[in-house]
C-alpha cells in the first residue's frame, strides 16, 4: 500500500490543478457571456421579447459549466500525460 502513496498524491494534485483551472475558466466565461447576453436582452427588440431572466441565467450558466468541464478535463489530461513520462512504470 505504501507504493501507491506517491501515485495517490500525484492524482490528487492533478485533479486539484484541474479544478483550479476549470474554476478560472468558468468565471471568465461567465463574465464574457453575461455582458453581451444582458445587453442584448435590454437593447434589442428580439432580446426584450424572448430573453427573460431565466433564459439569460440559463445561457450564462451553460457556457460557464461547459468551460469548467472542458478546461478541467484538458488540464487533468495534460498533467497526467506530463506525469506519465516522468514516472517509471516498472514494478
PDB file of N, CA and C in Angstrom:
ATOM      1  N   UNK A   1       0.819  -1.190   0.000  1.00  0.00           N
ATOM      2  CA  UNK A   1       0.000   0.000   0.000  1.00  0.00           C
ATOM      3  C   UNK A   1       0.863   1.255   0.000  1.00  0.00           C
ATOM      4  N   UNK A   2       2.055   1.147   0.566  1.00  0.00           N
ATOM      5  CA  UNK A   2       2.938   2.310   0.640  1.00  0.00           C
ATOM      6  C   UNK A   2       3.420   2.740  -0.741  1.00  0.00           C
ATOM      7  N   UNK A   3       3.481   1.808  -1.699  1.00  0.00           N
ATOM      8  CA  UNK A   3       3.949   2.164  -3.035  1.00  0.00           C
ATOM      9  C   UNK A   3       2.927   3.017  -3.793  1.00  0.00           C
ATOM     10  N   UNK A   4       1.655   2.989  -3.373  1.00  0.00           N
ATOM     11  CA  UNK A   4       0.619   3.763  -4.049  1.00  0.00           C
ATOM     12  C   UNK A   4       0.512   5.191  -3.519  1.00  0.00           C
ATOM     13  N   UNK A   5       1.126   5.487  -2.397  1.00  0.00           N
ATOM     14  CA  UNK A   5       1.001   6.829  -1.823  1.00  0.00           C
ATOM     15  C   UNK A   5       1.483   7.927  -2.762  1.00  0.00           C
ATOM     16  N   UNK A   6       2.649   7.799  -3.420  1.00  0.00           N
ATOM     17  CA  UNK A   6       3.031   8.869  -4.361  1.00  0.00           C
ATOM     18  C   UNK A   6       2.074   8.991  -5.543  1.00  0.00           C
ATOM     19  N   UNK A   7       1.533   7.868  -5.983  1.00  0.00           N
ATOM     20  CA  UNK A   7       0.584   7.910  -7.102  1.00  0.00           C
ATOM     21  C   UNK A   7      -0.718   8.584  -6.686  1.00  0.00           C
ATOM     22  N   UNK A   8      -1.164   8.312  -5.474  1.00  0.00           N
ATOM     23  CA  UNK A   8      -2.394   8.956  -4.990  1.00  0.00           C
ATOM     24  C   UNK A   8      -2.173  10.445  -4.827  1.00  0.00           C
ATOM     25  N   UNK A   9      -1.032  10.823  -4.277  1.00  0.00           N
ATOM     26  CA  UNK A   9      -0.727  12.247  -4.121  1.00  0.00           C
ATOM     27  C   UNK A   9      -0.642  12.945  -5.468  1.00  0.00           C
ATOM     28  N   UNK A  10      -0.051  12.278  -6.454  1.00  0.00           N
ATOM     29  CA  UNK A  10       0.048  12.859  -7.788  1.00  0.00           C
ATOM     30  C   UNK A  10      -1.342  13.010  -8.411  1.00  0.00           C
ATOM     31  N   UNK A  11      -2.201  12.017  -8.214  1.00  0.00           N
ATOM     32  CA  UNK A  11      -3.565  12.088  -8.754  1.00  0.00           C
ATOM     33  C   UNK A  11      -4.355  13.217  -8.097  1.00  0.00           C
ATOM     34  N   UNK A  12      -4.186  13.388  -6.785  1.00  0.00           N
ATOM     35  CA  UNK A  12      -4.875  14.480  -6.091  1.00  0.00           C
ATOM     36  C   UNK A  12      -4.378  15.836  -6.583  1.00  0.00           C
ATOM     37  N   UNK A  13      -3.078  15.945  -6.813  1.00  0.00           N
ATOM     38  CA  UNK A  13      -2.514  17.200  -7.306  1.00  0.00           C
ATOM     39  C   UNK A  13      -3.022  17.499  -8.718  1.00  0.00           C
ATOM     40  N   UNK A  14      -3.090  16.471  -9.559  1.00  0.00           N
ATOM     41  CA  UNK A  14      -3.599  16.651 -10.925  1.00  0.00           C
ATOM     42  C   UNK A  14      -5.055  17.099 -10.912  1.00  0.00           C
ATOM     43  N   UNK A  15      -5.857  16.477 -10.075  1.00  0.00           N
ATOM     44  CA  UNK A  15      -7.272  16.852 -10.034  1.00  0.00           C
ATOM     45  C   UNK A  15      -7.452  18.241  -9.440  1.00  0.00           C
ATOM     46  N   UNK A  16      -6.625  18.602  -8.476  1.00  0.00           N
ATOM     47  CA  UNK A  16      -6.712  19.945  -7.899  1.00  0.00           C
ATOM     48  C   UNK A  16      -6.344  21.001  -8.941  1.00  0.00           C
ATOM     49  N   UNK A  17      -5.302  20.730  -9.726  1.00  0.00           N
ATOM     50  CA  UNK A  17      -4.940  21.655 -10.808  1.00  0.00           C
ATOM     51  C   UNK A  17      -6.092  21.813 -11.795  1.00  0.00           C
ATOM     52  N   UNK A  18      -6.776  20.724 -12.093  1.00  0.00           N
ATOM     53  CA  UNK A  18      -7.918  20.777 -12.993  1.00  0.00           C
ATOM     54  C   UNK A  18      -9.068  21.594 -12.435  1.00  0.00           C
ATOM     55  N   UNK A  19      -9.319  21.451 -11.149  1.00  0.00           N
ATOM     56  CA  UNK A  19     -10.404  22.207 -10.513  1.00  0.00           C
ATOM     57  C   UNK A  19     -10.096  23.696 -10.531  1.00  0.00           C
ATOM     58  N   UNK A  20      -8.860  24.051 -10.214  1.00  0.00           N
ATOM     59  CA  UNK A  20      -8.479  25.466 -10.190  1.00  0.00           C
ATOM     60  C   UNK A  20      -8.570  26.076 -11.589  1.00  0.00           C
ATOM     61  N   UNK A  21      -8.024  25.368 -12.573  1.00  0.00           N
ATOM     62  CA  UNK A  21      -8.068  25.885 -13.946  1.00  0.00           C
ATOM     63  C   UNK A  21      -9.508  25.963 -14.458  1.00  0.00           C
ATOM     64  N   UNK A  22     -10.319  24.963 -14.141  1.00  0.00           N
ATOM     65  CA  UNK A  22     -11.714  24.978 -14.564  1.00  0.00           C
ATOM     66  C   UNK A  22     -12.505  26.105 -13.928  1.00  0.00           C
ATOM     67  N   UNK A  23     -12.237  26.373 -12.668  1.00  0.00           N
ATOM     68  CA  UNK A  23     -12.929  27.464 -11.983  1.00  0.00           C
ATOM     69  C   UNK A  23     -12.572  28.807 -12.588  1.00  0.00           C
ATOM     70  N   UNK A  24     -11.296  29.007 -12.877  1.00  0.00           N
ATOM     71  CA  UNK A  24     -10.874  30.259 -13.513  1.00  0.00           C
ATOM     72  C   UNK A  24     -11.541  30.427 -14.873  1.00  0.00           C
ATOM     73  N   UNK A  25     -11.604  29.350 -15.639  1.00  0.00           N
ATOM     74  CA  UNK A  25     -12.230  29.418 -16.958  1.00  0.00           C
ATOM     75  C   UNK A  25     -13.726  29.687 -16.844  1.00  0.00           C
ATOM     76  N   UNK A  26     -14.385  29.097 -15.843  1.00  0.00           N
ATOM     77  CA  UNK A  26     -15.817  29.310 -15.664  1.00  0.00           C
ATOM     78  C   UNK A  26     -16.127  30.754 -15.289  1.00  0.00           C
ATOM     79  N   UNK A  27     -15.301  31.332 -14.439  1.00  0.00           N
ATOM     80  CA  UNK A  27     -15.515  32.729 -14.051  1.00  0.00           C
ATOM     81  C   UNK A  27     -15.325  33.641 -15.251  1.00  0.00           C
ATOM     82  N   UNK A  28     -14.269  33.407 -16.000  1.00  0.00           N
ATOM     83  CA  UNK A  28     -14.000  34.225 -17.184  1.00  0.00           C
ATOM     84  C   UNK A  28     -15.105  34.063 -18.227  1.00  0.00           C
ATOM     85  N   UNK A  29     -15.559  32.844 -18.440  1.00  0.00           N
ATOM     86  CA  UNK A  29     -16.630  32.604 -19.411  1.00  0.00           C
ATOM     87  C   UNK A  29     -17.948  33.226 -18.948  1.00  0.00           C
ATOM     88  N   UNK A  30     -18.204  33.212 -17.656  1.00  0.00           N
ATOM     89  CA  UNK A  30     -19.427  33.837 -17.143  1.00  0.00           C
ATOM     90  C   UNK A  30     -19.449  35.325 -17.417  1.00  0.00           C
ATOM     91  N   UNK A  31     -18.332  35.966 -17.146  1.00  0.00           N
ATOM     92  CA  UNK A  31     -18.247  37.407 -17.383  1.00  0.00           C
ATOM     93  C   UNK A  31     -18.351  37.713 -18.868  1.00  0.00           C
ATOM     94  N   UNK A  32     -17.628  36.932 -19.672  1.00  0.00           N
ATOM     95  CA  UNK A  32     -17.624  37.176 -21.121  1.00  0.00           C
ATOM     96  C   UNK A  32     -18.987  36.898 -21.751  1.00  0.00           C
ATOM     97  N   UNK A  33     -19.779  36.042 -21.159  1.00  0.00           N
ATOM     98  CA  UNK A  33     -21.096  35.728 -21.690  1.00  0.00           C
ATOM     99  C   UNK A  33     -22.181  36.629 -21.122  1.00  0.00           C
ATOM    100  N   UNK A  34     -22.059  36.981 -19.861  1.00  0.00           N
ATOM    101  CA  UNK A  34     -23.116  37.754 -19.208  1.00  0.00           C
ATOM    102  C   UNK A  34     -23.262  39.150 -19.804  1.00  0.00           C
ATOM    103  N   UNK A  35     -22.157  39.775 -20.124  1.00  0.00           N
ATOM    104  CA  UNK A  35     -22.227  41.152 -20.630  1.00  0.00           C
ATOM    105  C   UNK A  35     -23.018  41.237 -21.936  1.00  0.00           C
ATOM    106  N   UNK A  36     -22.668  40.477 -22.981  1.00  0.00           N
ATOM    107  CA  UNK A  36     -23.473  40.592 -24.209  1.00  0.00           C
ATOM    108  C   UNK A  36     -24.893  40.039 -24.077  1.00  0.00           C
ATOM    109  N   UNK A  37     -25.069  39.027 -23.221  1.00  0.00           N
ATOM    110  CA  UNK A  37     -26.412  38.471 -23.048  1.00  0.00           C
ATOM    111  C   UNK A  37     -27.345  39.494 -22.409  1.00  0.00           C
ATOM    112  N   UNK A  38     -26.895  40.111 -21.343  1.00  0.00           N
ATOM    113  CA  UNK A  38     -27.733  41.111 -20.667  1.00  0.00           C
ATOM    114  C   UNK A  38     -27.934  42.335 -21.557  1.00  0.00           C
ATOM    115  N   UNK A  39     -26.873  42.737 -22.255  1.00  0.00           N
ATOM    116  CA  UNK A  39     -27.005  43.901 -23.145  1.00  0.00           C
ATOM    117  C   UNK A  39     -28.006  43.634 -24.264  1.00  0.00           C
ATOM    118  N   UNK A  40     -27.945  42.449 -24.851  1.00  0.00           N
ATOM    119  CA  UNK A  40     -28.889  42.153 -25.937  1.00  0.00           C
ATOM    120  C   UNK A  40     -30.310  42.007 -25.412  1.00  0.00           C
ATOM    121  N   UNK A  41     -30.468  41.517 -24.190  1.00  0.00           N
ATOM    122  CA  UNK A  41     -31.815  41.394 -23.623  1.00  0.00           C
ATOM    123  C   UNK A  41     -32.411  42.756 -23.282  1.00  0.00           C
ATOM    124  N   UNK A  42     -31.568  43.742 -23.093  1.00  0.00           N
ATOM    125  CA  UNK A  42     -32.064  45.077 -22.755  1.00  0.00           C
ATOM    126  C   UNK A  42     -32.232  45.977 -23.993  1.00  0.00           C
ATOM    127  N   UNK A  43     -31.381  45.811 -24.993  1.00  0.00           N
ATOM    128  CA  UNK A  43     -31.344  46.765 -26.099  1.00  0.00           C
ATOM    129  C   UNK A  43     -32.037  46.295 -27.378  1.00  0.00           C
ATOM    130  N   UNK A  44     -31.954  45.023 -27.677  1.00  0.00           N
ATOM    131  CA  UNK A  44     -32.525  44.528 -28.924  1.00  0.00           C
ATOM    132  C   UNK A  44     -34.006  44.180 -28.747  1.00  0.00           C
ATOM    133  N   UNK A  45     -34.828  44.516 -29.719  1.00  0.00           N
ATOM    134  CA  UNK A  45     -36.259  44.196 -29.598  1.00  0.00           C
ATOM    135  C   UNK A  45     -36.530  42.683 -29.488  1.00  0.00           C
ATOM    136  N   UNK A  46     -35.791  41.877 -30.254  1.00  0.00           N
ATOM    137  CA  UNK A  46     -35.977  40.436 -30.162  1.00  0.00           C
ATOM    138  C   UNK A  46     -35.567  39.939 -28.782  1.00  0.00           C
ATOM    139  N   UNK A  47     -34.462  40.463 -28.259  1.00  0.00           N
ATOM    140  CA  UNK A  47     -33.996  40.055 -26.937  1.00  0.00           C
ATOM    141  C   UNK A  47     -34.972  40.428 -25.843  1.00  0.00           C
ATOM    142  N   UNK A  48     -35.548  41.612 -25.950  1.00  0.00           N
ATOM    143  CA  UNK A  48     -36.542  42.036 -24.954  1.00  0.00           C
ATOM    144  C   UNK A  48     -37.765  41.130 -24.978  1.00  0.00           C
ATOM    145  N   UNK A  49     -38.116  40.665 -26.160  1.00  0.00           N
ATOM    146  CA  UNK A  49     -39.314  39.835 -26.290  1.00  0.00           C
ATOM    147  C   UNK A  49     -39.096  38.384 -25.882  1.00  0.00           C
ATOM    148  N   UNK A  50     -37.882  37.861 -26.058  1.00  0.00           N
ATOM    149  CA  UNK A  50     -37.664  36.429 -25.888  1.00  0.00           C
ATOM    150  C   UNK A  50     -36.713  36.035 -24.767  1.00  0.00           C
ATOM    151  N   UNK A  51     -35.878  36.918 -24.286  1.00  0.00           N
ATOM    152  CA  UNK A  51     -34.893  36.543 -23.275  1.00  0.00           C
ATOM    153  C   UNK A  51     -35.304  37.074 -21.899  1.00  0.00           C
ATOM    154  N   UNK A  52     -36.085  36.271 -21.186  1.00  0.00           N
ATOM    155  CA  UNK A  52     -36.425  36.659 -19.821  1.00  0.00           C
ATOM    156  C   UNK A  52     -35.245  36.334 -18.897  1.00  0.00           C
ATOM    157  N   UNK A  53     -35.386  36.567 -17.610  1.00  0.00           N
ATOM    158  CA  UNK A  53     -34.280  36.365 -16.683  1.00  0.00           C
ATOM    159  C   UNK A  53     -33.837  34.908 -16.611  1.00  0.00           C
ATOM    160  N   UNK A  54     -34.777  34.005 -16.720  1.00  0.00           N
ATOM    161  CA  UNK A  54     -34.441  32.588 -16.686  1.00  0.00           C
ATOM    162  C   UNK A  54     -33.603  32.199 -17.900  1.00  0.00           C
ATOM    163  N   UNK A  55     -33.960  32.679 -19.056  1.00  0.00           N
ATOM    164  CA  UNK A  55     -33.205  32.376 -20.271  1.00  0.00           C
ATOM    165  C   UNK A  55     -31.790  32.953 -20.195  1.00  0.00           C
ATOM    166  N   UNK A  56     -31.677  34.154 -19.672  1.00  0.00           N
ATOM    167  CA  UNK A  56     -30.352  34.765 -19.532  1.00  0.00           C
ATOM    168  C   UNK A  56     -29.483  33.951 -18.578  1.00  0.00           C
ATOM    169  N   UNK A  57     -30.053  33.534 -17.452  1.00  0.00           N
ATOM    170  CA  UNK A  57     -29.296  32.729 -16.488  1.00  0.00           C
ATOM    171  C   UNK A  57     -28.914  31.381 -17.082  1.00  0.00           C
ATOM    172  N   UNK A  58     -29.801  30.799 -17.864  1.00  0.00           N
ATOM    173  CA  UNK A  58     -29.517  29.516 -18.497  1.00  0.00           C
ATOM    174  C   UNK A  58     -28.377  29.632 -19.499  1.00  0.00           C
ATOM    175  N   UNK A  59     -28.358  30.693 -20.278  1.00  0.00           N
ATOM    176  CA  UNK A  59     -27.277  30.904 -21.244  1.00  0.00           C
ATOM    177  C   UNK A  59     -25.940  31.042 -20.530  1.00  0.00           C
ATOM    178  N   UNK A  60     -25.893  31.889 -19.513  1.00  0.00           N
ATOM    179  CA  UNK A  60     -24.636  32.139 -18.807  1.00  0.00           C
ATOM    180  C   UNK A  60     -24.157  30.889 -18.069  1.00  0.00           C
ATOM    181  N   UNK A  61     -25.059  30.191 -17.401  1.00  0.00           N
ATOM    182  CA  UNK A  61     -24.639  29.015 -16.633  1.00  0.00           C
ATOM    183  C   UNK A  61     -24.227  27.861 -17.539  1.00  0.00           C
ATOM    184  N   UNK A  62     -24.848  27.726 -18.703  1.00  0.00           N
ATOM    185  CA  UNK A  62     -24.450  26.674 -19.635  1.00  0.00           C
ATOM    186  C   UNK A  62     -23.037  26.904 -20.155  1.00  0.00           C
ATOM    187  N   UNK A  63     -22.741  28.128 -20.510  1.00  0.00           N
ATOM    188  CA  UNK A  63     -21.401  28.449 -21.001  1.00  0.00           C
ATOM    189  C   UNK A  63     -20.373  28.268 -19.894  1.00  0.00           C
ATOM    190  N   UNK A  64     -20.700  28.694 -18.681  1.00  0.00           N
ATOM    191  CA  UNK A  64     -19.769  28.547 -17.558  1.00  0.00           C
ATOM    192  C   UNK A  64     -19.510  27.074 -17.249  1.00  0.00           C
ATOM    193  N   UNK A  65     -20.561  26.274 -17.233  1.00  0.00           N
ATOM    194  CA  UNK A  65     -20.394  24.845 -16.970  1.00  0.00           C
ATOM    195  C   UNK A  65     -19.586  24.149 -18.041  1.00  0.00           C
ATOM    196  N   UNK A  66     -19.844  24.481 -19.290  1.00  0.00           N
ATOM    197  CA  UNK A  66     -19.078  23.876 -20.386  1.00  0.00           C
ATOM    198  C   UNK A  66     -17.613  24.269 -20.306  1.00  0.00           C
ATOM    199  N   UNK A  67     -17.350  25.537 -20.023  1.00  0.00           N
ATOM    200  CA  UNK A  67     -15.961  25.992 -19.909  1.00  0.00           C
ATOM    201  C   UNK A  67     -15.258  25.280 -18.767  1.00  0.00           C
ATOM    202  N   UNK A  68     -15.956  25.124 -17.640  1.00  0.00           N
ATOM    203  CA  UNK A  68     -15.349  24.445 -16.487  1.00  0.00           C
ATOM    204  C   UNK A  68     -14.949  23.020 -16.847  1.00  0.00           C
ATOM    205  N   UNK A  69     -15.877  22.255 -17.385  1.00  0.00           N
ATOM    206  CA  UNK A  69     -15.591  20.852 -17.650  1.00  0.00           C
ATOM    207  C   UNK A  69     -14.567  20.660 -18.761  1.00  0.00           C
ATOM    208  N   UNK A  70     -14.603  21.474 -19.780  1.00  0.00           N
ATOM    209  CA  UNK A  70     -13.638  21.338 -20.865  1.00  0.00           C
ATOM    210  C   UNK A  70     -12.235  21.663 -20.382  1.00  0.00           C
ATOM    211  N   UNK A  71     -12.075  22.782 -19.687  1.00  0.00           N
ATOM    212  CA  UNK A  71     -10.744  23.181 -19.230  1.00  0.00           C
ATOM    213  C   UNK A  71     -10.232  22.246 -18.139  1.00  0.00           C
ATOM    214  N   UNK A  72     -11.090  21.834 -17.220  1.00  0.00           N
ATOM    215  CA  UNK A  72     -10.660  20.916 -16.166  1.00  0.00           C
ATOM    216  C   UNK A  72     -10.212  19.587 -16.767  1.00  0.00           C
ATOM    217  N   UNK A  73     -10.952  19.072 -17.729  1.00  0.00           N
ATOM    218  CA  UNK A  73     -10.592  17.808 -18.368  1.00  0.00           C
ATOM    219  C   UNK A  73      -9.266  17.926 -19.106  1.00  0.00           C
ATOM    220  N   UNK A  74      -9.095  18.995 -19.859  1.00  0.00           N
ATOM    221  CA  UNK A  74      -7.847  19.175 -20.596  1.00  0.00           C
ATOM    222  C   UNK A  74      -6.665  19.344 -19.648  1.00  0.00           C
ATOM    223  N   UNK A  75      -6.868  20.027 -18.532  1.00  0.00           N
ATOM    224  CA  UNK A  75      -5.785  20.233 -17.573  1.00  0.00           C
ATOM    225  C   UNK A  75      -5.396  18.927 -16.902  1.00  0.00           C
ATOM    226  N   UNK A  76      -6.375  18.140 -16.500  1.00  0.00           N
ATOM    227  CA  UNK A  76      -6.071  16.857 -15.860  1.00  0.00           C
ATOM    228  C   UNK A  76      -5.359  15.932 -16.842  1.00  0.00           C
ATOM    229  N   UNK A  77      -5.815  15.891 -18.086  1.00  0.00           N
ATOM    230  CA  UNK A  77      -5.159  15.034 -19.081  1.00  0.00           C
ATOM    231  C   UNK A  77      -3.737  15.495 -19.368  1.00  0.00           C
ATOM    232  N   UNK A  78      -3.533  16.810 -19.462  1.00  0.00           N
ATOM    233  CA  UNK A  78      -2.194  17.332 -19.701  1.00  0.00           C
ATOM    234  C   UNK A  78      -1.264  16.994 -18.541  1.00  0.00           C
ATOM    235  N   UNK A  79      -1.762  17.141 -17.331  1.00  0.00           N
ATOM    236  CA  UNK A  79      -0.964  16.838 -16.152  1.00  0.00           C
ATOM    237  C   UNK A  79      -0.667  15.340 -16.061  1.00  0.00           C
ATOM    238  N   UNK A  80      -1.644  14.512 -16.395  1.00  0.00           N
ATOM    239  CA  UNK A  80      -1.431  13.064 -16.368  1.00  0.00           C
ATOM    240  C   UNK A  80      -0.411  12.638 -17.420  1.00  0.00           C
ATOM    241  N   UNK A  81      -0.494  13.238 -18.605  1.00  0.00           N
ATOM    242  CA  UNK A  81       0.493  12.922 -19.639  1.00  0.00           C
ATOM    243  C   UNK A  81       1.891  13.326 -19.206  1.00  0.00           C
ATOM    244  N   UNK A  82       2.003  14.523 -18.639  1.00  0.00           N
ATOM    245  CA  UNK A  82       3.304  15.011 -18.188  1.00  0.00           C
ATOM    246  C   UNK A  82       3.871  14.096 -17.106  1.00  0.00           C
ATOM    247  N   UNK A  83       3.024  13.661 -16.182  1.00  0.00           N
ATOM    248  CA  UNK A  83       3.493  12.800 -15.104  1.00  0.00           C
ATOM    249  C   UNK A  83       3.756  11.378 -15.564  1.00  0.00           C
ATOM    250  N   UNK A  84       3.090  10.919 -16.601  1.00  0.00           N
ATOM    251  CA  UNK A  84       3.332   9.559 -17.078  1.00  0.00           C
ATOM    252  C   UNK A  84       4.697   9.438 -17.717  1.00  0.00           C
ATOM    253  N   UNK A  85       5.197  10.506 -18.323  1.00  0.00           N
ATOM    254  CA  UNK A  85       6.536  10.474 -18.901  1.00  0.00           C
ATOM    255  C   UNK A  85       7.608  10.577 -17.833  1.00  0.00           C
ATOM    256  N   UNK A  86       7.293  11.194 -16.707  1.00  0.00           N
ATOM    257  CA  UNK A  86       8.269  11.374 -15.636  1.00  0.00           C
ATOM    258  C   UNK A  86       8.316  10.180 -14.695  1.00  0.00           C
ATOM    259  N   UNK A  87       7.315   9.335 -14.697  1.00  0.00           N
ATOM    260  CA  UNK A  87       7.219   8.230 -13.762  1.00  0.00           C
ATOM    261  C   UNK A  87       7.746   6.952 -14.392  1.00  0.00           C
ATOM    262  N   UNK A  88       8.502   6.220 -13.626  1.00  0.00           N
ATOM    263  CA  UNK A  88       8.975   4.928 -14.081  1.00  0.00           C
ATOM    264  C   UNK A  88       7.848   3.911 -13.882  1.00  0.00           C
ATOM    265  N   UNK A  89       7.427   3.219 -14.933  1.00  0.00           N
ATOM    266  CA  UNK A  89       6.277   2.324 -14.856  1.00  0.00           C
ATOM    267  C   UNK A  89       6.656   0.907 -14.500  1.00  0.00           C
ATOM    268  N   UNK A  90       7.925   0.625 -14.234  1.00  0.00           N
ATOM    269  CA  UNK A  90       8.323  -0.722 -13.872  1.00  0.00           C
ATOM    270  C   UNK A  90       7.939  -0.999 -12.434  1.00  0.00           C
ATOM    271  N   UNK A  91       7.610  -2.289 -12.103  1.00  0.00           N
ATOM    272  CA  UNK A  91       7.182  -2.634 -10.728  1.00  0.00           C
ATOM    273  C   UNK A  91       8.299  -2.525  -9.724  1.00  0.00           C
TER     274      UNK A  91
END
